[in-house]
PDB file of N, CA and C in Angstrom:
ATOM      1  N   UNK A   1      10.603 -10.380   5.720  1.00  0.00           N
ATOM      2  CA  UNK A   1       9.579  -9.376   5.530  1.00  0.00           C
ATOM      3  C   UNK A   1       9.471  -8.473   6.759  1.00  0.00           C
ATOM      4  N   UNK A   2       9.723  -9.035   7.929  1.00  0.00           N
ATOM      5  CA  UNK A   2       9.667  -8.244   9.156  1.00  0.00           C
ATOM      6  C   UNK A   2      10.654  -7.084   9.093  1.00  0.00           C
ATOM      7  N   UNK A   3      11.867  -7.378   8.646  1.00  0.00           N
ATOM      8  CA  UNK A   3      12.884  -6.332   8.541  1.00  0.00           C
ATOM      9  C   UNK A   3      12.483  -5.280   7.514  1.00  0.00           C
ATOM     10  N   UNK A   4      11.831  -5.715   6.443  1.00  0.00           N
ATOM     11  CA  UNK A   4      11.386  -4.770   5.414  1.00  0.00           C
ATOM     12  C   UNK A   4      10.357  -3.794   5.978  1.00  0.00           C
ATOM     13  N   UNK A   5       9.519  -4.268   6.879  1.00  0.00           N
ATOM     14  CA  UNK A   5       8.533  -3.374   7.516  1.00  0.00           C
ATOM     15  C   UNK A   5       9.229  -2.286   8.317  1.00  0.00           C
ATOM     16  N   UNK A   6      10.271  -2.656   9.041  1.00  0.00           N
ATOM     17  CA  UNK A   6      10.972  -1.698   9.890  1.00  0.00           C
ATOM     18  C   UNK A   6      11.920  -0.803   9.105  1.00  0.00           C
ATOM     19  N   UNK A   7      12.321  -1.236   7.925  1.00  0.00           N
ATOM     20  CA  UNK A   7      13.281  -0.467   7.131  1.00  0.00           C
ATOM     21  C   UNK A   7      12.661   0.782   6.504  1.00  0.00           C
ATOM     22  N   UNK A   8      11.336   0.821   6.377  1.00  0.00           N
ATOM     23  CA  UNK A   8      10.651   1.959   5.750  1.00  0.00           C
ATOM     24  C   UNK A   8      11.243   2.271   4.384  1.00  0.00           C
ATOM     25  N   UNK A   9      11.313   1.274   3.519  1.00  0.00           N
ATOM     26  CA  UNK A   9      11.891   1.410   2.189  1.00  0.00           C
ATOM     27  C   UNK A   9      11.172   2.500   1.399  1.00  0.00           C
ATOM     28  N   UNK A  10      11.807   3.629   1.215  1.00  0.00           N
ATOM     29  CA  UNK A  10      11.334   4.786   0.443  1.00  0.00           C
ATOM     30  C   UNK A  10      10.052   5.435   0.964  1.00  0.00           C
ATOM     31  N   UNK A  11       9.441   4.884   1.980  1.00  0.00           N
ATOM     32  CA  UNK A  11       8.237   5.464   2.556  1.00  0.00           C
ATOM     33  C   UNK A  11       8.037   4.912   3.959  1.00  0.00           C
ATOM     34  N   UNK A  12       7.371   5.684   4.787  1.00  0.00           N
ATOM     35  CA  UNK A  12       7.029   5.205   6.125  1.00  0.00           C
ATOM     36  C   UNK A  12       5.929   4.152   6.075  1.00  0.00           C
ATOM     37  N   UNK A  13       5.334   3.961   4.918  1.00  0.00           N
ATOM     38  CA  UNK A  13       4.195   3.067   4.777  1.00  0.00           C
ATOM     39  C   UNK A  13       4.507   1.839   3.921  1.00  0.00           C
ATOM     40  N   UNK A  14       5.749   1.408   3.921  1.00  0.00           N
ATOM     41  CA  UNK A  14       6.111   0.249   3.100  1.00  0.00           C
ATOM     42  C   UNK A  14       5.356  -1.002   3.544  1.00  0.00           C
ATOM     43  N   UNK A  15       4.991  -1.073   4.815  1.00  0.00           N
ATOM     44  CA  UNK A  15       4.249  -2.237   5.302  1.00  0.00           C
ATOM     45  C   UNK A  15       2.915  -2.398   4.561  1.00  0.00           C
ATOM     46  N   UNK A  16       2.308  -1.296   4.127  1.00  0.00           N
ATOM     47  CA  UNK A  16       1.067  -1.392   3.360  1.00  0.00           C
ATOM     48  C   UNK A  16       1.310  -2.022   1.995  1.00  0.00           C
ATOM     49  N   UNK A  17       2.445  -1.691   1.382  1.00  0.00           N
ATOM     50  CA  UNK A  17       2.784  -2.288   0.097  1.00  0.00           C
ATOM     51  C   UNK A  17       3.123  -3.772   0.261  1.00  0.00           C
ATOM     52  N   UNK A  18       3.692  -4.143   1.402  1.00  0.00           N
ATOM     53  CA  UNK A  18       3.917  -5.566   1.689  1.00  0.00           C
ATOM     54  C   UNK A  18       2.586  -6.305   1.799  1.00  0.00           C
ATOM     55  N   UNK A  19       1.627  -5.718   2.488  1.00  0.00           N
ATOM     56  CA  UNK A  19       0.300  -6.336   2.600  1.00  0.00           C
ATOM     57  C   UNK A  19      -0.350  -6.500   1.232  1.00  0.00           C
ATOM     58  N   UNK A  20      -0.262  -5.462   0.422  1.00  0.00           N
ATOM     59  CA  UNK A  20      -0.822  -5.543  -0.928  1.00  0.00           C
ATOM     60  C   UNK A  20      -0.146  -6.628  -1.756  1.00  0.00           C
ATOM     61  N   UNK A  21       1.157  -6.761  -1.607  1.00  0.00           N
ATOM     62  CA  UNK A  21       1.868  -7.774  -2.384  1.00  0.00           C
ATOM     63  C   UNK A  21       1.469  -9.177  -1.939  1.00  0.00           C
ATOM     64  N   UNK A  22       1.248  -9.383  -0.649  1.00  0.00           N
ATOM     65  CA  UNK A  22       0.788 -10.692  -0.167  1.00  0.00           C
ATOM     66  C   UNK A  22      -0.570 -11.014  -0.768  1.00  0.00           C
ATOM     67  N   UNK A  23      -1.453 -10.031  -0.786  1.00  0.00           N
ATOM     68  CA  UNK A  23      -2.770 -10.241  -1.380  1.00  0.00           C
ATOM     69  C   UNK A  23      -2.644 -10.529  -2.872  1.00  0.00           C
ATOM     70  N   UNK A  24      -1.803  -9.776  -3.573  1.00  0.00           N
ATOM     71  CA  UNK A  24      -1.614  -9.995  -5.011  1.00  0.00           C
ATOM     72  C   UNK A  24      -1.106 -11.403  -5.311  1.00  0.00           C
ATOM     73  N   UNK A  25      -0.157 -11.863  -4.521  1.00  0.00           N
ATOM     74  CA  UNK A  25       0.474 -13.159  -4.788  1.00  0.00           C
ATOM     75  C   UNK A  25      -0.426 -14.323  -4.387  1.00  0.00           C
ATOM     76  N   UNK A  26      -1.146 -14.195  -3.281  1.00  0.00           N
ATOM     77  CA  UNK A  26      -1.888 -15.331  -2.744  1.00  0.00           C
ATOM     78  C   UNK A  26      -3.407 -15.203  -2.836  1.00  0.00           C
ATOM     79  N   UNK A  27      -3.920 -14.229  -3.549  1.00  0.00           N
ATOM     80  CA  UNK A  27      -5.367 -14.009  -3.612  1.00  0.00           C
ATOM     81  C   UNK A  27      -6.101 -15.030  -4.469  1.00  0.00           C
ATOM     82  N   UNK A  28      -5.423 -15.673  -5.398  1.00  0.00           N
ATOM     83  CA  UNK A  28      -6.109 -16.624  -6.277  1.00  0.00           C
ATOM     84  C   UNK A  28      -6.806 -17.729  -5.489  1.00  0.00           C
ATOM     85  N   UNK A  29      -6.162 -18.231  -4.433  1.00  0.00           N
ATOM     86  CA  UNK A  29      -6.781 -19.267  -3.603  1.00  0.00           C
ATOM     87  C   UNK A  29      -8.032 -18.741  -2.911  1.00  0.00           C
ATOM     88  N   UNK A  30      -7.960 -17.528  -2.421  1.00  0.00           N
ATOM     89  CA  UNK A  30      -9.100 -16.914  -1.732  1.00  0.00           C
ATOM     90  C   UNK A  30     -10.272 -16.758  -2.693  1.00  0.00           C
ATOM     91  N   UNK A  31      -9.985 -16.312  -3.902  1.00  0.00           N
ATOM     92  CA  UNK A  31     -11.037 -16.116  -4.904  1.00  0.00           C
ATOM     93  C   UNK A  31     -11.602 -17.453  -5.357  1.00  0.00           C
ATOM     94  N   UNK A  32     -10.737 -18.416  -5.629  1.00  0.00           N
ATOM     95  CA  UNK A  32     -11.182 -19.728  -6.100  1.00  0.00           C
ATOM     96  C   UNK A  32     -12.057 -20.433  -5.065  1.00  0.00           C
ATOM     97  N   UNK A  33     -11.723 -20.267  -3.792  1.00  0.00           N
ATOM     98  CA  UNK A  33     -12.479 -20.935  -2.729  1.00  0.00           C
ATOM     99  C   UNK A  33     -13.631 -20.090  -2.205  1.00  0.00           C
ATOM    100  N   UNK A  34     -13.764 -18.858  -2.703  1.00  0.00           N
ATOM    101  CA  UNK A  34     -14.825 -17.938  -2.293  1.00  0.00           C
ATOM    102  C   UNK A  34     -14.903 -17.840  -0.765  1.00  0.00           C
ATOM    103  N   UNK A  35     -13.766 -17.519  -0.155  1.00  0.00           N
ATOM    104  CA  UNK A  35     -13.663 -17.485   1.303  1.00  0.00           C
ATOM    105  C   UNK A  35     -14.349 -16.258   1.897  1.00  0.00           C
ATOM    106  N   UNK A  36     -14.956 -16.461   3.052  1.00  0.00           N
ATOM    107  CA  UNK A  36     -15.543 -15.357   3.811  1.00  0.00           C
ATOM    108  C   UNK A  36     -14.428 -14.657   4.581  1.00  0.00           C
ATOM    109  N   UNK A  37     -14.741 -13.514   5.196  1.00  0.00           N
ATOM    110  CA  UNK A  37     -13.723 -12.687   5.855  1.00  0.00           C
ATOM    111  C   UNK A  37     -12.937 -13.459   6.911  1.00  0.00           C
ATOM    112  N   UNK A  38     -13.617 -14.198   7.783  1.00  0.00           N
ATOM    113  CA  UNK A  38     -12.900 -14.933   8.826  1.00  0.00           C
ATOM    114  C   UNK A  38     -12.067 -16.067   8.243  1.00  0.00           C
ATOM    115  N   UNK A  39     -12.550 -16.666   7.162  1.00  0.00           N
ATOM    116  CA  UNK A  39     -11.790 -17.718   6.489  1.00  0.00           C
ATOM    117  C   UNK A  39     -10.556 -17.141   5.795  1.00  0.00           C
ATOM    118  N   UNK A  40     -10.691 -15.921   5.246  1.00  0.00           N
ATOM    119  CA  UNK A  40      -9.535 -15.256   4.630  1.00  0.00           C
ATOM    120  C   UNK A  40      -8.458 -14.982   5.668  1.00  0.00           C
ATOM    121  N   UNK A  41      -8.872 -14.497   6.824  1.00  0.00           N
ATOM    122  CA  UNK A  41      -7.920 -14.231   7.900  1.00  0.00           C
ATOM    123  C   UNK A  41      -7.182 -15.506   8.289  1.00  0.00           C
ATOM    124  N   UNK A  42      -7.908 -16.598   8.436  1.00  0.00           N
ATOM    125  CA  UNK A  42      -7.286 -17.880   8.764  1.00  0.00           C
ATOM    126  C   UNK A  42      -6.349 -18.326   7.644  1.00  0.00           C
ATOM    127  N   UNK A  43      -6.778 -18.154   6.401  1.00  0.00           N
ATOM    128  CA  UNK A  43      -5.960 -18.556   5.247  1.00  0.00           C
ATOM    129  C   UNK A  43      -4.630 -17.799   5.219  1.00  0.00           C
ATOM    130  N   UNK A  44      -4.697 -16.476   5.327  1.00  0.00           N
ATOM    131  CA  UNK A  44      -3.466 -15.686   5.269  1.00  0.00           C
ATOM    132  C   UNK A  44      -2.595 -15.908   6.504  1.00  0.00           C
ATOM    133  N   UNK A  45      -3.217 -16.130   7.655  1.00  0.00           N
ATOM    134  CA  UNK A  45      -2.438 -16.427   8.865  1.00  0.00           C
ATOM    135  C   UNK A  45      -1.709 -17.753   8.735  1.00  0.00           C
ATOM    136  N   UNK A  46      -2.353 -18.728   8.111  1.00  0.00           N
ATOM    137  CA  UNK A  46      -1.717 -20.042   7.957  1.00  0.00           C
ATOM    138  C   UNK A  46      -0.557 -20.004   6.964  1.00  0.00           C
ATOM    139  N   UNK A  47      -0.515 -18.997   6.116  1.00  0.00           N
ATOM    140  CA  UNK A  47       0.581 -18.861   5.148  1.00  0.00           C
ATOM    141  C   UNK A  47       1.836 -18.234   5.748  1.00  0.00           C
ATOM    142  N   UNK A  48       1.739 -17.742   6.966  1.00  0.00           N
ATOM    143  CA  UNK A  48       2.807 -16.928   7.561  1.00  0.00           C
ATOM    144  C   UNK A  48       4.198 -17.538   7.428  1.00  0.00           C
ATOM    145  N   UNK A  49       4.374 -18.773   7.726  1.00  0.00           N
ATOM    146  CA  UNK A  49       5.705 -19.388   7.689  1.00  0.00           C
ATOM    147  C   UNK A  49       6.017 -20.033   6.336  1.00  0.00           C
ATOM    148  N   UNK A  50       5.081 -19.942   5.396  1.00  0.00           N
ATOM    149  CA  UNK A  50       5.260 -20.598   4.103  1.00  0.00           C
ATOM    150  C   UNK A  50       5.381 -19.630   2.932  1.00  0.00           C
ATOM    151  N   UNK A  51       5.234 -18.338   3.189  1.00  0.00           N
ATOM    152  CA  UNK A  51       5.342 -17.352   2.110  1.00  0.00           C
ATOM    153  C   UNK A  51       6.782 -17.240   1.641  1.00  0.00           C
ATOM    154  N   UNK A  52       6.937 -16.960   0.369  1.00  0.00           N
ATOM    155  CA  UNK A  52       8.262 -16.718  -0.199  1.00  0.00           C
ATOM    156  C   UNK A  52       8.589 -15.241   0.017  1.00  0.00           C
ATOM    157  N   UNK A  53       9.404 -14.964   1.017  1.00  0.00           N
ATOM    158  CA  UNK A  53       9.729 -13.589   1.382  1.00  0.00           C
ATOM    159  C   UNK A  53      10.365 -12.800   0.261  1.00  0.00           C
ATOM    160  N   UNK A  54      11.185 -13.449  -0.545  1.00  0.00           N
ATOM    161  CA  UNK A  54      11.840 -12.772  -1.666  1.00  0.00           C
ATOM    162  C   UNK A  54      10.808 -12.306  -2.691  1.00  0.00           C
ATOM    163  N   UNK A  55       9.860 -13.172  -3.015  1.00  0.00           N
ATOM    164  CA  UNK A  55       8.816 -12.826  -3.981  1.00  0.00           C
ATOM    165  C   UNK A  55       7.945 -11.695  -3.438  1.00  0.00           C
ATOM    166  N   UNK A  56       7.583 -11.787  -2.171  1.00  0.00           N
ATOM    167  CA  UNK A  56       6.710 -10.780  -1.562  1.00  0.00           C
ATOM    168  C   UNK A  56       7.390  -9.415  -1.525  1.00  0.00           C
ATOM    169  N   UNK A  57       8.647  -9.362  -1.086  1.00  0.00           N
ATOM    170  CA  UNK A  57       9.325  -8.059  -1.010  1.00  0.00           C
ATOM    171  C   UNK A  57       9.597  -7.488  -2.397  1.00  0.00           C
ATOM    172  N   UNK A  58       9.899  -8.353  -3.365  1.00  0.00           N
ATOM    173  CA  UNK A  58      10.110  -7.874  -4.738  1.00  0.00           C
ATOM    174  C   UNK A  58       8.813  -7.288  -5.290  1.00  0.00           C
ATOM    175  N   UNK A  59       7.700  -7.970  -5.052  1.00  0.00           N
ATOM    176  CA  UNK A  59       6.400  -7.478  -5.506  1.00  0.00           C
ATOM    177  C   UNK A  59       6.056  -6.156  -4.810  1.00  0.00           C
ATOM    178  N   UNK A  60       6.337  -6.059  -3.511  1.00  0.00           N
ATOM    179  CA  UNK A  60       6.055  -4.825  -2.763  1.00  0.00           C
ATOM    180  C   UNK A  60       6.874  -3.660  -3.304  1.00  0.00           C
ATOM    181  N   UNK A  61       8.141  -3.908  -3.608  1.00  0.00           N
ATOM    182  CA  UNK A  61       8.973  -2.843  -4.190  1.00  0.00           C
ATOM    183  C   UNK A  61       8.427  -2.429  -5.552  1.00  0.00           C
ATOM    184  N   UNK A  62       7.946  -3.395  -6.326  1.00  0.00           N
ATOM    185  CA  UNK A  62       7.355  -3.085  -7.625  1.00  0.00           C
ATOM    186  C   UNK A  62       6.085  -2.259  -7.499  1.00  0.00           C
ATOM    187  N   UNK A  63       5.236  -2.614  -6.537  1.00  0.00           N
ATOM    188  CA  UNK A  63       4.007  -1.847  -6.314  1.00  0.00           C
ATOM    189  C   UNK A  63       4.315  -0.424  -5.860  1.00  0.00           C
ATOM    190  N   UNK A  64       5.304  -0.289  -4.985  1.00  0.00           N
ATOM    191  CA  UNK A  64       5.714   1.050  -4.546  1.00  0.00           C
ATOM    192  C   UNK A  64       6.258   1.854  -5.724  1.00  0.00           C
ATOM    193  N   UNK A  65       7.047   1.215  -6.566  1.00  0.00           N
ATOM    194  CA  UNK A  65       7.586   1.901  -7.747  1.00  0.00           C
ATOM    195  C   UNK A  65       6.441   2.365  -8.649  1.00  0.00           C
ATOM    196  N   UNK A  66       5.450   1.497  -8.881  1.00  0.00           N
ATOM    197  CA  UNK A  66       4.301   1.885  -9.700  1.00  0.00           C
ATOM    198  C   UNK A  66       3.564   3.074  -9.078  1.00  0.00           C
ATOM    199  N   UNK A  67       3.399   3.041  -7.760  1.00  0.00           N
ATOM    200  CA  UNK A  67       2.718   4.143  -7.077  1.00  0.00           C
ATOM    201  C   UNK A  67       3.485   5.445  -7.245  1.00  0.00           C
ATOM    202  N   UNK A  68       4.788   5.380  -7.124  1.00  0.00           N
ATOM    203  CA  UNK A  68       5.607   6.589  -7.234  1.00  0.00           C
ATOM    204  C   UNK A  68       5.662   7.126  -8.659  1.00  0.00           C
ATOM    205  N   UNK A  69       5.324   6.312  -9.646  1.00  0.00           N
ATOM    206  CA  UNK A  69       5.324   6.760 -11.036  1.00  0.00           C
ATOM    207  C   UNK A  69       4.016   7.436 -11.436  1.00  0.00           C
ATOM    208  N   UNK A  70       2.999   7.341 -10.584  1.00  0.00           N
ATOM    209  CA  UNK A  70       1.718   7.957 -10.914  1.00  0.00           C
ATOM    210  C   UNK A  70       1.856   9.472 -10.973  1.00  0.00           C
ATOM    211  N   UNK A  71       1.278  10.069 -12.003  1.00  0.00           N
ATOM    212  CA  UNK A  71       1.324  11.524 -12.146  1.00  0.00           C
ATOM    213  C   UNK A  71       0.333  12.200 -11.208  1.00  0.00           C
ATOM    214  N   UNK A  72      -0.752  11.495 -10.894  1.00  0.00           N
ATOM    215  CA  UNK A  72      -1.728  12.042  -9.974  1.00  0.00           C
ATOM    216  C   UNK A  72      -2.289  10.916  -9.115  1.00  0.00           C
ATOM    217  N   UNK A  73      -2.686  11.288  -7.907  1.00  0.00           N
ATOM    218  CA  UNK A  73      -3.260  10.315  -6.982  1.00  0.00           C
ATOM    219  C   UNK A  73      -4.500  10.921  -6.344  1.00  0.00           C
ATOM    220  N   UNK A  74      -5.445  10.082  -5.904  1.00  0.00           N
ATOM    221  CA  UNK A  74      -6.631  10.619  -5.236  1.00  0.00           C
ATOM    222  C   UNK A  74      -6.273  11.175  -3.861  1.00  0.00           C
ATOM    223  N   UNK A  75      -7.089  12.107  -3.398  1.00  0.00           N
ATOM    224  CA  UNK A  75      -6.822  12.743  -2.106  1.00  0.00           C
ATOM    225  C   UNK A  75      -6.804  11.732  -0.968  1.00  0.00           C
ATOM    226  N   UNK A  76      -7.473  10.611  -1.144  1.00  0.00           N
ATOM    227  CA  UNK A  76      -7.497   9.587  -0.104  1.00  0.00           C
ATOM    228  C   UNK A  76      -6.132   8.955   0.115  1.00  0.00           C
ATOM    229  N   UNK A  77      -5.232   9.066  -0.858  1.00  0.00           N
ATOM    230  CA  UNK A  77      -3.889   8.493  -0.736  1.00  0.00           C
ATOM    231  C   UNK A  77      -2.813   9.548  -0.511  1.00  0.00           C
ATOM    232  N   UNK A  78      -3.204  10.788  -0.383  1.00  0.00           N
ATOM    233  CA  UNK A  78      -2.226  11.875  -0.254  1.00  0.00           C
ATOM    234  C   UNK A  78      -1.323  11.702   0.957  1.00  0.00           C
ATOM    235  N   UNK A  79      -1.836  11.141   2.023  1.00  0.00           N
ATOM    236  CA  UNK A  79      -1.044  10.946   3.228  1.00  0.00           C
ATOM    237  C   UNK A  79       0.147  10.033   3.027  1.00  0.00           C
ATOM    238  N   UNK A  80       0.093   9.162   2.043  1.00  0.00           N
ATOM    239  CA  UNK A  80       1.231   8.279   1.775  1.00  0.00           C
ATOM    240  C   UNK A  80       2.459   9.065   1.352  1.00  0.00           C
ATOM    241  N   UNK A  81       2.251  10.224   0.758  1.00  0.00           N
ATOM    242  CA  UNK A  81       3.370  11.064   0.326  1.00  0.00           C
ATOM    243  C   UNK A  81       3.704  12.123   1.364  1.00  0.00           C
ATOM    244  N   UNK A  82       2.700  12.739   1.946  1.00  0.00           N
ATOM    245  CA  UNK A  82       2.897  13.909   2.787  1.00  0.00           C
ATOM    246  C   UNK A  82       3.450  13.604   4.174  1.00  0.00           C
ATOM    247  N   UNK A  83       3.233  12.431   4.698  1.00  0.00           N
ATOM    248  CA  UNK A  83       3.637  12.137   6.066  1.00  0.00           C
ATOM    249  C   UNK A  83       5.016  11.515   6.171  1.00  0.00           C
ATOM    250  N   UNK A  84       5.659  11.277   5.076  1.00  0.00           N
ATOM    251  CA  UNK A  84       6.973  10.644   5.103  1.00  0.00           C
ATOM    252  C   UNK A  84       8.026  11.620   5.615  1.00  0.00           C
ATOM    253  N   UNK A  85       9.081  11.070   6.153  1.00  0.00           N
ATOM    254  CA  UNK A  85      10.165  11.895   6.679  1.00  0.00           C
ATOM    255  C   UNK A  85      10.852  12.692   5.593  1.00  0.00           C
ATOM    256  N   UNK A  86      11.680  13.650   5.975  1.00  0.00           N
ATOM    257  CA  UNK A  86      12.349  14.512   4.998  1.00  0.00           C
ATOM    258  C   UNK A  86      13.279  13.723   4.087  1.00  0.00           C
ATOM    259  N   UNK A  87      13.240  14.075   2.815  1.00  0.00           N
ATOM    260  CA  UNK A  87      14.152  13.475   1.850  1.00  0.00           C
ATOM    261  C   UNK A  87      13.661  12.213   1.187  1.00  0.00           C
ATOM    262  N   UNK A  88      12.612  11.603   1.726  1.00  0.00           N
ATOM    263  CA  UNK A  88      12.181  10.324   1.190  1.00  0.00           C
ATOM    264  C   UNK A  88      11.608  10.469  -0.214  1.00  0.00           C
ATOM    265  N   UNK A  89      10.828  11.505  -0.462  1.00  0.00           N
ATOM    266  CA  UNK A  89      10.211  11.681  -1.772  1.00  0.00           C
ATOM    267  C   UNK A  89      10.965  12.694  -2.628  1.00  0.00           C
ATOM    268  N   UNK A  90      12.116  13.161  -2.178  1.00  0.00           N
ATOM    269  CA  UNK A  90      12.849  14.185  -2.909  1.00  0.00           C
ATOM    270  C   UNK A  90      13.388  13.712  -4.246  1.00  0.00           C
ATOM    271  N   UNK A  91      13.563  12.416  -4.425  1.00  0.00           N
ATOM    272  CA  UNK A  91      14.189  11.906  -5.637  1.00  0.00           C
ATOM    273  C   UNK A  91      13.233  11.858  -6.822  1.00  0.00           C
ATOM    274  N   UNK A  92      11.965  12.165  -6.621  1.00  0.00           N
ATOM    275  CA  UNK A  92      11.028  12.127  -7.738  1.00  0.00           C
ATOM    276  C   UNK A  92      10.049  13.286  -7.626  1.00  0.00           C
ATOM    277  N   UNK A  93       9.188  13.401  -8.631  1.00  0.00           N
ATOM    278  CA  UNK A  93       8.203  14.476  -8.634  1.00  0.00           C
ATOM    279  C   UNK A  93       7.122  14.219  -7.588  1.00  0.00           C
ATOM    280  N   UNK A  94       6.471  15.271  -7.177  1.00  0.00           N
ATOM    281  CA  UNK A  94       5.320  15.136  -6.290  1.00  0.00           C
ATOM    282  C   UNK A  94       4.095  14.959  -7.167  1.00  0.00           C
ATOM    283  N   UNK A  95       3.305  13.935  -6.914  1.00  0.00           N
ATOM    284  CA  UNK A  95       2.128  13.726  -7.761  1.00  0.00           C
ATOM    285  C   UNK A  95       1.072  14.798  -7.515  1.00  0.00           C
ATOM    286  N   UNK A  96       0.300  15.055  -8.551  1.00  0.00           N
ATOM    287  CA  UNK A  96      -0.831  15.974  -8.407  1.00  0.00           C
ATOM    288  C   UNK A  96      -1.917  15.231  -7.638  1.00  0.00           C
ATOM    289  N   UNK A  97      -2.563  15.909  -6.726  1.00  0.00           N
ATOM    290  CA  UNK A  97      -3.599  15.282  -5.908  1.00  0.00           C
ATOM    291  C   UNK A  97      -4.952  15.807  -6.359  1.00  0.00           C
ATOM    292  N   UNK A  98      -5.857  14.891  -6.692  1.00  0.00           N
ATOM    293  CA  UNK A  98      -7.196  15.294  -7.095  1.00  0.00           C
ATOM    294  C   UNK A  98      -8.206  14.823  -6.053  1.00  0.00           C
ATOM    295  N   UNK A  99      -9.247  15.590  -5.902  1.00  0.00           N
ATOM    296  CA  UNK A  99     -10.259  15.322  -4.888  1.00  0.00           C
ATOM    297  C   UNK A  99     -11.248  14.273  -5.394  1.00  0.00           C
ATOM    298  N   UNK A 100     -11.583  13.336  -4.527  1.00  0.00           N
ATOM    299  CA  UNK A 100     -12.534  12.290  -4.895  1.00  0.00           C
ATOM    300  C   UNK A 100     -13.956  12.625  -4.478  1.00  0.00           C
ATOM    301  N   UNK A 101     -14.151  13.742  -3.810  1.00  0.00           N
ATOM    302  CA  UNK A 101     -15.493  14.157  -3.411  1.00  0.00           C
ATOM    303  C   UNK A 101     -15.464  15.081  -2.218  1.00  0.00           C
ATOM    304  N   UNK A 102     -16.515  15.823  -2.074  1.00  0.00           N
ATOM    305  CA  UNK A 102     -16.634  16.765  -0.967  1.00  0.00           C
ATOM    306  C   UNK A 102     -17.751  16.312  -0.033  1.00  0.00           C
ATOM    307  N   UNK A 103     -17.630  16.668   1.230  1.00  0.00           N
ATOM    308  CA  UNK A 103     -18.686  16.337   2.183  1.00  0.00           C
ATOM    309  C   UNK A 103     -19.778  17.402   2.140  1.00  0.00           C
ATOM    310  N   UNK A 104     -20.753  17.307   3.045  1.00  0.00           N
ATOM    311  CA  UNK A 104     -21.881  18.248   3.016  1.00  0.00           C
ATOM    312  C   UNK A 104     -21.487  19.683   3.336  1.00  0.00           C
ATOM    313  N   UNK A 105     -20.285  19.906   3.884  1.00  0.00           N
ATOM    314  CA  UNK A 105     -19.829  21.260   4.210  1.00  0.00           C
ATOM    315  C   UNK A 105     -19.065  21.906   3.056  1.00  0.00           C
ATOM    316  N   UNK A 106     -18.881  21.184   1.961  1.00  0.00           N
ATOM    317  CA  UNK A 106     -18.270  21.758   0.780  1.00  0.00           C
ATOM    318  C   UNK A 106     -16.762  21.681   0.713  1.00  0.00           C
ATOM    319  N   UNK A 107     -16.130  20.949   1.598  1.00  0.00           N
ATOM    320  CA  UNK A 107     -14.679  20.807   1.510  1.00  0.00           C
ATOM    321  C   UNK A 107     -14.298  19.325   1.511  1.00  0.00           C
ATOM    322  N   UNK A 108     -13.116  19.082   1.060  1.00  0.00           N
ATOM    323  CA  UNK A 108     -12.623  17.711   0.951  1.00  0.00           C
ATOM    324  C   UNK A 108     -12.302  17.171   2.349  1.00  0.00           C
ATOM    325  N   UNK A 109     -12.898  16.056   2.741  1.00  0.00           N
ATOM    326  CA  UNK A 109     -12.617  15.499   4.063  1.00  0.00           C
ATOM    327  C   UNK A 109     -11.203  14.932   4.184  1.00  0.00           C
ATOM    328  N   UNK A 110     -10.530  14.766   3.066  1.00  0.00           N
ATOM    329  CA  UNK A 110      -9.179  14.215   3.066  1.00  0.00           C
ATOM    330  C   UNK A 110      -8.108  15.281   2.936  1.00  0.00           C
ATOM    331  N   UNK A 111      -8.510  16.541   2.949  1.00  0.00           N
ATOM    332  CA  UNK A 111      -7.553  17.634   2.819  1.00  0.00           C
ATOM    333  C   UNK A 111      -6.672  17.715   4.055  1.00  0.00           C
ATOM    334  N   UNK A 112      -5.376  17.911   3.825  1.00  0.00           N
ATOM    335  CA  UNK A 112      -4.425  18.011   4.924  1.00  0.00           C
ATOM    336  C   UNK A 112      -4.025  19.456   5.186  1.00  0.00           C
ATOM    337  N   UNK A 113      -4.665  20.395   4.535  1.00  0.00           N
ATOM    338  CA  UNK A 113      -4.348  21.820   4.714  1.00  0.00           C
ATOM    339  C   UNK A 113      -5.216  22.426   5.784  1.00  0.00           C
TER     340      UNK A 113
END
C-alpha cells in the first residue's frame, strides 16, 4: 500500500482513496463496537501489519473508478480533479461541478477561479 501511495495511480490523491478503502473494508468492527474517536485510531493503527494489501488496493482502485465515472461532483471535491498533473484526467470526461452553497459574501468558498 505504501508504494500505491507514492505511485499516484491516476490521481495525485490516490492515498485518499486508499484511506477510504481501509474504512470501507474494516469499518464493520468499528460500528459493531461503537468505538470513540481515540479507540478508532487505535483500532486502525493496530491493523497496520494485518491488512490485506491486495484487497485494500483493489477496493481503492474501484472507488477511484466510481469517482471518475460521476457525471457531476460537488465543488468541495473539485480539487481532486483540478490539481492533478497534466494528462492524468485526459482519458475521460471532466465532471460538471455544482456548488454546495455560498458564503455570506455571495460566492462559493470552494471556487478555484
